[in-house]
PDB file of N, CA and C in Angstrom:
ATOM      1  N   MET A   1       0.926  -1.025  -0.006  1.00  0.00           N
ATOM      2  CA  MET A   1       0.061  -0.005   0.056  1.00  0.00           C
ATOM      3  C   MET A   1       0.818   1.374   0.032  1.00  0.00           C
ATOM      4  N   SER A   2       2.062   1.332   0.610  1.00  0.00           N
ATOM      5  CA  SER A   2       2.855   2.415   0.648  1.00  0.00           C
ATOM      6  C   SER A   2       3.462   2.813  -0.756  1.00  0.00           C
ATOM      7  N   GLY A   3       3.440   1.808  -1.677  1.00  0.00           N
ATOM      8  CA  GLY A   3       3.999   2.134  -2.843  1.00  0.00           C
ATOM      9  C   GLY A   3       2.832   2.982  -3.737  1.00  0.00           C
ATOM     10  N   GLY A   4       1.563   2.740  -3.489  1.00  0.00           N
ATOM     11  CA  GLY A   4       0.524   3.471  -4.106  1.00  0.00           C
ATOM     12  C   GLY A   4       0.484   4.792  -3.517  1.00  0.00           C
ATOM     13  N   THR A   5       0.983   4.983  -2.066  1.00  0.00           N
ATOM     14  CA  THR A   5       0.955   6.269  -1.671  1.00  0.00           C
ATOM     15  C   THR A   5       2.093   7.149  -2.186  1.00  0.00           C
ATOM     16  N   LEU A   6       3.113   6.440  -2.392  1.00  0.00           N
ATOM     17  CA  LEU A   6       4.227   7.270  -3.190  1.00  0.00           C
ATOM     18  C   LEU A   6       3.957   7.718  -4.533  1.00  0.00           C
ATOM     19  N   LEU A   7       3.314   6.862  -5.043  1.00  0.00           N
ATOM     20  CA  LEU A   7       2.660   7.272  -6.609  1.00  0.00           C
ATOM     21  C   LEU A   7       1.870   8.506  -6.498  1.00  0.00           C
ATOM     22  N   ALA A   8       0.891   8.410  -5.558  1.00  0.00           N
ATOM     23  CA  ALA A   8       0.015   9.394  -5.417  1.00  0.00           C
ATOM     24  C   ALA A   8       0.632  10.697  -4.904  1.00  0.00           C
ATOM     25  N   LEU A   9       1.447  10.615  -4.083  1.00  0.00           N
ATOM     26  CA  LEU A   9       2.244  11.853  -3.703  1.00  0.00           C
ATOM     27  C   LEU A   9       3.057  12.354  -4.872  1.00  0.00           C
ATOM     28  N   ALA A  10       3.450  11.748  -5.845  1.00  0.00           N
ATOM     29  CA  ALA A  10       4.291  12.161  -6.810  1.00  0.00           C
ATOM     30  C   ALA A  10       3.522  12.630  -8.079  1.00  0.00           C
ATOM     31  N   ALA A  11       1.960  12.490  -7.959  1.00  0.00           N
ATOM     32  CA  ALA A  11       1.142  12.545  -9.071  1.00  0.00           C
ATOM     33  C   ALA A  11       0.543  13.995  -8.973  1.00  0.00           C
ATOM     34  N   ASP A  12       0.054  14.654  -9.935  1.00  0.00           N
ATOM     35  CA  ASP A  12      -0.548  15.990 -10.030  1.00  0.00           C
ATOM     36  C   ASP A  12      -1.881  15.792  -9.727  1.00  0.00           C
ATOM     37  N   GLU A  13      -2.545  14.541 -10.019  1.00  0.00           N
ATOM     38  CA  GLU A  13      -3.891  14.092  -9.812  1.00  0.00           C
ATOM     39  C   GLU A  13      -4.003  12.626  -9.511  1.00  0.00           C
ATOM     40  N   VAL A  14      -4.943  12.404  -8.641  1.00  0.00           N
ATOM     41  CA  VAL A  14      -4.998  11.110  -8.139  1.00  0.00           C
ATOM     42  C   VAL A  14      -6.741  10.692  -8.156  1.00  0.00           C
ATOM     43  N   ILE A  15      -6.790   9.703  -8.896  1.00  0.00           N
ATOM     44  CA  ILE A  15      -8.288   9.118  -9.053  1.00  0.00           C
ATOM     45  C   ILE A  15      -8.342   7.667  -8.528  1.00  0.00           C
ATOM     46  N   MET A  16      -9.282   7.571  -7.511  1.00  0.00           N
ATOM     47  CA  MET A  16      -9.321   6.438  -6.934  1.00  0.00           C
ATOM     48  C   MET A  16     -10.612   5.753  -6.789  1.00  0.00           C
ATOM     49  N   ASP A  17     -10.883   4.551  -6.720  1.00  0.00           N
ATOM     50  CA  ASP A  17     -12.254   3.829  -6.700  1.00  0.00           C
ATOM     51  C   ASP A  17     -12.640   4.117  -5.168  1.00  0.00           C
ATOM     52  N   GLU A  18     -13.877   3.899  -5.041  1.00  0.00           N
ATOM     53  CA  GLU A  18     -14.511   4.264  -3.553  1.00  0.00           C
ATOM     54  C   GLU A  18     -13.977   3.346  -2.598  1.00  0.00           C
ATOM     55  N   ASN A  19     -13.444   2.200  -3.190  1.00  0.00           N
ATOM     56  CA  ASN A  19     -13.002   1.228  -2.209  1.00  0.00           C
ATOM     57  C   ASN A  19     -11.390   1.046  -2.114  1.00  0.00           C
ATOM     58  N   ALA A  20     -10.789   2.073  -2.771  1.00  0.00           N
ATOM     59  CA  ALA A  20      -9.266   2.112  -2.734  1.00  0.00           C
ATOM     60  C   ALA A  20      -9.147   2.784  -1.364  1.00  0.00           C
ATOM     61  N   VAL A  21      -7.656   2.185  -1.029  1.00  0.00           N
ATOM     62  CA  VAL A  21      -7.040   2.878   0.171  1.00  0.00           C
ATOM     63  C   VAL A  21      -5.558   3.057  -0.064  1.00  0.00           C
ATOM     64  N   LEU A  22      -5.131   4.194   0.556  1.00  0.00           N
ATOM     65  CA  LEU A  22      -3.655   4.368   0.718  1.00  0.00           C
ATOM     66  C   LEU A  22      -3.028   4.244   1.928  1.00  0.00           C
ATOM     67  N   GLY A  23      -1.882   3.622   1.888  1.00  0.00           N
ATOM     68  CA  GLY A  23      -1.468   3.320   3.322  1.00  0.00           C
ATOM     69  C   GLY A  23      -0.291   4.083   3.772  1.00  0.00           C
ATOM     70  N   PRO A  24       0.265   3.893   4.746  1.00  0.00           N
ATOM     71  CA  PRO A  24       1.485   4.817   5.315  1.00  0.00           C
ATOM     72  C   PRO A  24       2.695   4.480   4.572  1.00  0.00           C
ATOM     73  N   VAL A  25       3.729   5.340   4.431  1.00  0.00           N
ATOM     74  CA  VAL A  25       4.729   5.170   3.800  1.00  0.00           C
ATOM     75  C   VAL A  25       5.844   4.537   4.891  1.00  0.00           C
ATOM     76  N   ASP A  26       5.872   3.260   4.902  1.00  0.00           N
ATOM     77  CA  ASP A  26       6.647   2.820   5.886  1.00  0.00           C
ATOM     78  C   ASP A  26       7.586   1.575   5.249  1.00  0.00           C
ATOM     79  N   PRO A  27       8.869   1.985   5.260  1.00  0.00           N
ATOM     80  CA  PRO A  27       9.948   1.041   4.774  1.00  0.00           C
ATOM     81  C   PRO A  27       9.705  -0.378   5.245  1.00  0.00           C
ATOM     82  N   GLN A  28      10.062  -1.466   4.580  1.00  0.00           N
ATOM     83  CA  GLN A  28      10.120  -2.685   4.966  1.00  0.00           C
ATOM     84  C   GLN A  28      11.609  -3.356   4.818  1.00  0.00           C
ATOM     85  N   LEU A  29      12.023  -4.115   5.750  1.00  0.00           N
ATOM     86  CA  LEU A  29      13.337  -4.901   5.534  1.00  0.00           C
ATOM     87  C   LEU A  29      12.871  -6.125   5.595  1.00  0.00           C
ATOM     88  N   GLY A  30      12.909  -6.825   4.354  1.00  0.00           N
ATOM     89  CA  GLY A  30      12.684  -7.996   4.251  1.00  0.00           C
ATOM     90  C   GLY A  30      11.062  -8.211   4.662  1.00  0.00           C
ATOM     91  N   GLU A  31      10.679  -9.026   5.472  1.00  0.00           N
ATOM     92  CA  GLU A  31       9.323  -9.177   5.922  1.00  0.00           C
ATOM     93  C   GLU A  31       8.952  -8.376   7.096  1.00  0.00           C
ATOM     94  N   TYR A  32       9.949  -7.441   7.599  1.00  0.00           N
ATOM     95  CA  TYR A  32       9.550  -6.636   8.883  1.00  0.00           C
ATOM     96  C   TYR A  32       9.546  -5.166   8.559  1.00  0.00           C
ATOM     97  N   PRO A  33       8.694  -4.543   9.147  1.00  0.00           N
ATOM     98  CA  PRO A  33       8.306  -3.112   9.136  1.00  0.00           C
ATOM     99  C   PRO A  33       9.600  -2.543   9.846  1.00  0.00           C
ATOM    100  N   ALA A  34      10.403  -1.508   9.197  1.00  0.00           N
ATOM    101  CA  ALA A  34      11.463  -0.838   9.905  1.00  0.00           C
ATOM    102  C   ALA A  34      11.082  -0.353  11.336  1.00  0.00           C
ATOM    103  N   ALA A  35       9.875   0.321  11.319  1.00  0.00           N
ATOM    104  CA  ALA A  35       9.633   0.724  12.660  1.00  0.00           C
ATOM    105  C   ALA A  35       9.422  -0.405  13.752  1.00  0.00           C
ATOM    106  N   SER A  36       8.934  -1.630  13.282  1.00  0.00           N
ATOM    107  CA  SER A  36       9.105  -2.495  14.368  1.00  0.00           C
ATOM    108  C   SER A  36      10.272  -3.010  14.870  1.00  0.00           C
ATOM    109  N   ILE A  37      11.128  -3.083  14.060  1.00  0.00           N
ATOM    110  CA  ILE A  37      12.539  -3.493  14.436  1.00  0.00           C
ATOM    111  C   ILE A  37      13.155  -2.498  15.437  1.00  0.00           C
ATOM    112  N   LEU A  38      12.818  -1.176  15.150  1.00  0.00           N
ATOM    113  CA  LEU A  38      13.302  -0.060  16.071  1.00  0.00           C
ATOM    114  C   LEU A  38      12.752  -0.155  17.364  1.00  0.00           C
ATOM    115  N   LYS A  39      11.445  -0.730  17.392  1.00  0.00           N
ATOM    116  CA  LYS A  39      10.637  -0.901  18.746  1.00  0.00           C
ATOM    117  C   LYS A  39      11.209  -1.980  19.581  1.00  0.00           C
ATOM    118  N   ILE A  40      11.611  -3.013  18.918  1.00  0.00           N
ATOM    119  CA  ILE A  40      12.392  -3.998  19.646  1.00  0.00           C
ATOM    120  C   ILE A  40      13.422  -3.522  20.461  1.00  0.00           C
ATOM    121  N   ILE A  41      14.165  -2.751  19.642  1.00  0.00           N
ATOM    122  CA  ILE A  41      15.571  -2.110  20.395  1.00  0.00           C
ATOM    123  C   ILE A  41      15.262  -1.193  21.606  1.00  0.00           C
ATOM    124  N   ASP A  42      14.111  -0.482  21.555  1.00  0.00           N
ATOM    125  CA  ASP A  42      13.542   0.423  22.447  1.00  0.00           C
ATOM    126  C   ASP A  42      13.028  -0.396  23.619  1.00  0.00           C
ATOM    127  N   GLU A  43      12.539  -1.685  23.383  1.00  0.00           N
ATOM    128  CA  GLU A  43      11.606  -2.512  24.527  1.00  0.00           C
ATOM    129  C   GLU A  43      12.719  -3.294  25.187  1.00  0.00           C
ATOM    130  N   LYS A  44      13.398  -3.954  24.423  1.00  0.00           N
ATOM    131  CA  LYS A  44      14.355  -5.057  25.091  1.00  0.00           C
ATOM    132  C   LYS A  44      15.709  -4.643  25.525  1.00  0.00           C
ATOM    133  N   ASN A  45      16.223  -5.307  26.421  1.00  0.00           N
ATOM    134  CA  ASN A  45      17.688  -5.054  26.920  1.00  0.00           C
ATOM    135  C   ASN A  45      18.635  -5.258  25.887  1.00  0.00           C
ATOM    136  N   LYS A  46      19.400  -4.480  25.508  1.00  0.00           N
ATOM    137  CA  LYS A  46      20.347  -4.494  24.291  1.00  0.00           C
ATOM    138  C   LYS A  46      21.173  -5.590  24.366  1.00  0.00           C
ATOM    139  N   ASN A  47      21.487  -6.211  25.611  1.00  0.00           N
ATOM    140  CA  ASN A  47      22.447  -7.414  25.916  1.00  0.00           C
ATOM    141  C   ASN A  47      21.716  -8.838  25.518  1.00  0.00           C
ATOM    142  N   ARG A  48      20.319  -8.608  25.279  1.00  0.00           N
ATOM    143  CA  ARG A  48      19.755  -9.757  24.886  1.00  0.00           C
ATOM    144  C   ARG A  48      19.221  -9.669  23.442  1.00  0.00           C
ATOM    145  N   ILE A  49      19.569  -8.683  22.729  1.00  0.00           N
ATOM    146  CA  ILE A  49      19.294  -8.725  21.343  1.00  0.00           C
ATOM    147  C   ILE A  49      20.451  -9.140  20.330  1.00  0.00           C
ATOM    148  N   LYS A  50      20.051  -9.990  19.352  1.00  0.00           N
ATOM    149  CA  LYS A  50      21.116 -10.648  18.589  1.00  0.00           C
ATOM    150  C   LYS A  50      21.667  -9.536  17.758  1.00  0.00           C
ATOM    151  N   ASP A  51      23.080  -9.622  17.353  1.00  0.00           N
ATOM    152  CA  ASP A  51      23.758  -8.767  16.525  1.00  0.00           C
ATOM    153  C   ASP A  51      22.989  -8.343  15.337  1.00  0.00           C
ATOM    154  N   GLU A  52      22.449  -9.420  14.544  1.00  0.00           N
ATOM    155  CA  GLU A  52      21.769  -9.239  13.427  1.00  0.00           C
ATOM    156  C   GLU A  52      20.432  -8.374  13.483  1.00  0.00           C
ATOM    157  N   THR A  53      19.723  -8.283  14.652  1.00  0.00           N
ATOM    158  CA  THR A  53      18.734  -7.567  15.062  1.00  0.00           C
ATOM    159  C   THR A  53      19.202  -6.042  15.025  1.00  0.00           C
ATOM    160  N   LEU A  54      20.438  -5.692  15.799  1.00  0.00           N
ATOM    161  CA  LEU A  54      20.972  -4.588  16.087  1.00  0.00           C
ATOM    162  C   LEU A  54      21.410  -3.975  14.658  1.00  0.00           C
ATOM    163  N   ILE A  55      21.969  -4.699  13.556  1.00  0.00           N
ATOM    164  CA  ILE A  55      22.255  -4.345  12.467  1.00  0.00           C
ATOM    165  C   ILE A  55      21.061  -3.879  11.642  1.00  0.00           C
ATOM    166  N   LEU A  56      20.097  -4.730  11.687  1.00  0.00           N
ATOM    167  CA  LEU A  56      18.749  -4.444  11.113  1.00  0.00           C
ATOM    168  C   LEU A  56      18.225  -3.102  11.740  1.00  0.00           C
ATOM    169  N   ALA A  57      18.304  -2.847  13.037  1.00  0.00           N
ATOM    170  CA  ALA A  57      17.907  -1.485  13.614  1.00  0.00           C
ATOM    171  C   ALA A  57      18.590  -0.405  13.005  1.00  0.00           C
ATOM    172  N   ASP A  58      19.861  -0.567  12.828  1.00  0.00           N
ATOM    173  CA  ASP A  58      20.829   0.494  12.158  1.00  0.00           C
ATOM    174  C   ASP A  58      20.215   0.876  10.613  1.00  0.00           C
ATOM    175  N   VAL A  59      19.937  -0.216   9.790  1.00  0.00           N
ATOM    176  CA  VAL A  59      19.406   0.031   8.366  1.00  0.00           C
ATOM    177  C   VAL A  59      18.163   0.512   8.469  1.00  0.00           C
ATOM    178  N   SER A  60      17.318   0.049   9.636  1.00  0.00           N
ATOM    179  CA  SER A  60      15.815   0.504   9.630  1.00  0.00           C
ATOM    180  C   SER A  60      16.048   2.189   9.870  1.00  0.00           C
ATOM    181  N   ARG A  61      16.876   2.555  10.787  1.00  0.00           N
ATOM    182  CA  ARG A  61      16.923   3.938  10.991  1.00  0.00           C
ATOM    183  C   ARG A  61      17.220   4.725   9.705  1.00  0.00           C
ATOM    184  N   LYS A  62      18.152   4.302   8.854  1.00  0.00           N
ATOM    185  CA  LYS A  62      18.548   4.854   7.703  1.00  0.00           C
ATOM    186  C   LYS A  62      17.571   4.700   6.802  1.00  0.00           C
ATOM    187  N   ALA A  63      16.749   3.820   6.559  1.00  0.00           N
ATOM    188  CA  ALA A  63      15.734   3.571   5.735  1.00  0.00           C
ATOM    189  C   ALA A  63      14.520   4.535   5.995  1.00  0.00           C
ATOM    190  N   LEU A  64      14.281   4.813   7.443  1.00  0.00           N
ATOM    191  CA  LEU A  64      13.089   5.568   7.741  1.00  0.00           C
ATOM    192  C   LEU A  64      13.480   7.015   7.406  1.00  0.00           C
ATOM    193  N   SER A  65      14.727   7.355   7.746  1.00  0.00           N
ATOM    194  CA  SER A  65      15.155   8.577   7.424  1.00  0.00           C
ATOM    195  C   SER A  65      15.173   9.020   5.851  1.00  0.00           C
ATOM    196  N   ARG A  66      15.573   7.947   5.091  1.00  0.00           N
ATOM    197  CA  ARG A  66      15.546   8.155   3.615  1.00  0.00           C
ATOM    198  C   ARG A  66      14.139   8.411   3.068  1.00  0.00           C
ATOM    199  N   VAL A  67      13.248   7.606   3.634  1.00  0.00           N
ATOM    200  CA  VAL A  67      11.769   7.550   3.193  1.00  0.00           C
ATOM    201  C   VAL A  67      11.308   9.116   3.543  1.00  0.00           C
ATOM    202  N   HIS A  68      11.473   9.505   4.706  1.00  0.00           N
ATOM    203  CA  HIS A  68      11.121  10.839   5.234  1.00  0.00           C
ATOM    204  C   HIS A  68      11.577  11.909   4.222  1.00  0.00           C
ATOM    205  N   GLU A  69      12.820  11.876   3.887  1.00  0.00           N
ATOM    206  CA  GLU A  69      13.644  12.842   3.061  1.00  0.00           C
ATOM    207  C   GLU A  69      12.862  12.821   1.817  1.00  0.00           C
ATOM    208  N   PHE A  70      12.674  11.764   1.176  1.00  0.00           N
ATOM    209  CA  PHE A  70      12.032  11.359  -0.065  1.00  0.00           C
ATOM    210  C   PHE A  70      10.660  12.072  -0.296  1.00  0.00           C
ATOM    211  N   VAL A  71       9.925  11.595   0.809  1.00  0.00           N
ATOM    212  CA  VAL A  71       8.385  12.184   0.863  1.00  0.00           C
ATOM    213  C   VAL A  71       8.406  13.751   0.970  1.00  0.00           C
ATOM    214  N   GLN A  72       9.242  14.136   1.918  1.00  0.00           N
ATOM    215  CA  GLN A  72       9.281  15.747   1.880  1.00  0.00           C
ATOM    216  C   GLN A  72       9.708  16.297   0.514  1.00  0.00           C
ATOM    217  N   ASP A  73      10.788  15.710  -0.243  1.00  0.00           N
ATOM    218  CA  ASP A  73      11.106  16.157  -1.450  1.00  0.00           C
ATOM    219  C   ASP A  73       9.971  16.055  -2.408  1.00  0.00           C
ATOM    220  N   LEU A  74       9.068  15.041  -2.415  1.00  0.00           N
ATOM    221  CA  LEU A  74       7.932  14.914  -3.211  1.00  0.00           C
ATOM    222  C   LEU A  74       6.906  16.018  -3.179  1.00  0.00           C
ATOM    223  N   VAL A  75       6.617  16.265  -2.061  1.00  0.00           N
ATOM    224  CA  VAL A  75       5.684  17.212  -1.711  1.00  0.00           C
ATOM    225  C   VAL A  75       5.895  18.617  -1.311  1.00  0.00           C
ATOM    226  N   LYS A  76       7.280  19.027  -1.535  1.00  0.00           N
ATOM    227  CA  LYS A  76       7.737  20.229  -0.982  1.00  0.00           C
ATOM    228  C   LYS A  76       7.157  21.407  -1.893  1.00  0.00           C
ATOM    229  N   ASP A  77       6.988  21.168  -3.124  1.00  0.00           N
ATOM    230  CA  ASP A  77       6.338  22.123  -3.944  1.00  0.00           C
ATOM    231  C   ASP A  77       4.891  22.036  -4.259  1.00  0.00           C
ATOM    232  N   LYS A  78       4.152  21.257  -3.475  1.00  0.00           N
ATOM    233  CA  LYS A  78       2.852  20.906  -3.592  1.00  0.00           C
ATOM    234  C   LYS A  78       1.794  21.258  -2.322  1.00  0.00           C
ATOM    235  N   VAL A  79       2.697  21.127  -1.161  1.00  0.00           N
ATOM    236  CA  VAL A  79       1.875  21.363   0.013  1.00  0.00           C
ATOM    237  C   VAL A  79       2.390  22.784   0.457  1.00  0.00           C
TER     238      VAL A  79
END
């Protein structure tokens, strides 16, 4: 759904069916939402988190930052 939202943000006009929906622009890392990976880091003791999860958290922060910048760039002249 976020792919459709990005297309809509880049468009000059959006025409949608009454049953269509747009979702949040949320990057995914594999099968996991980046925001959920970061939530784990906030909620668990870092000594009990696998190194792979810590690496995914770093990538998640970067992905969220990039998406935020991208969306801002898409809408800066429109909003």
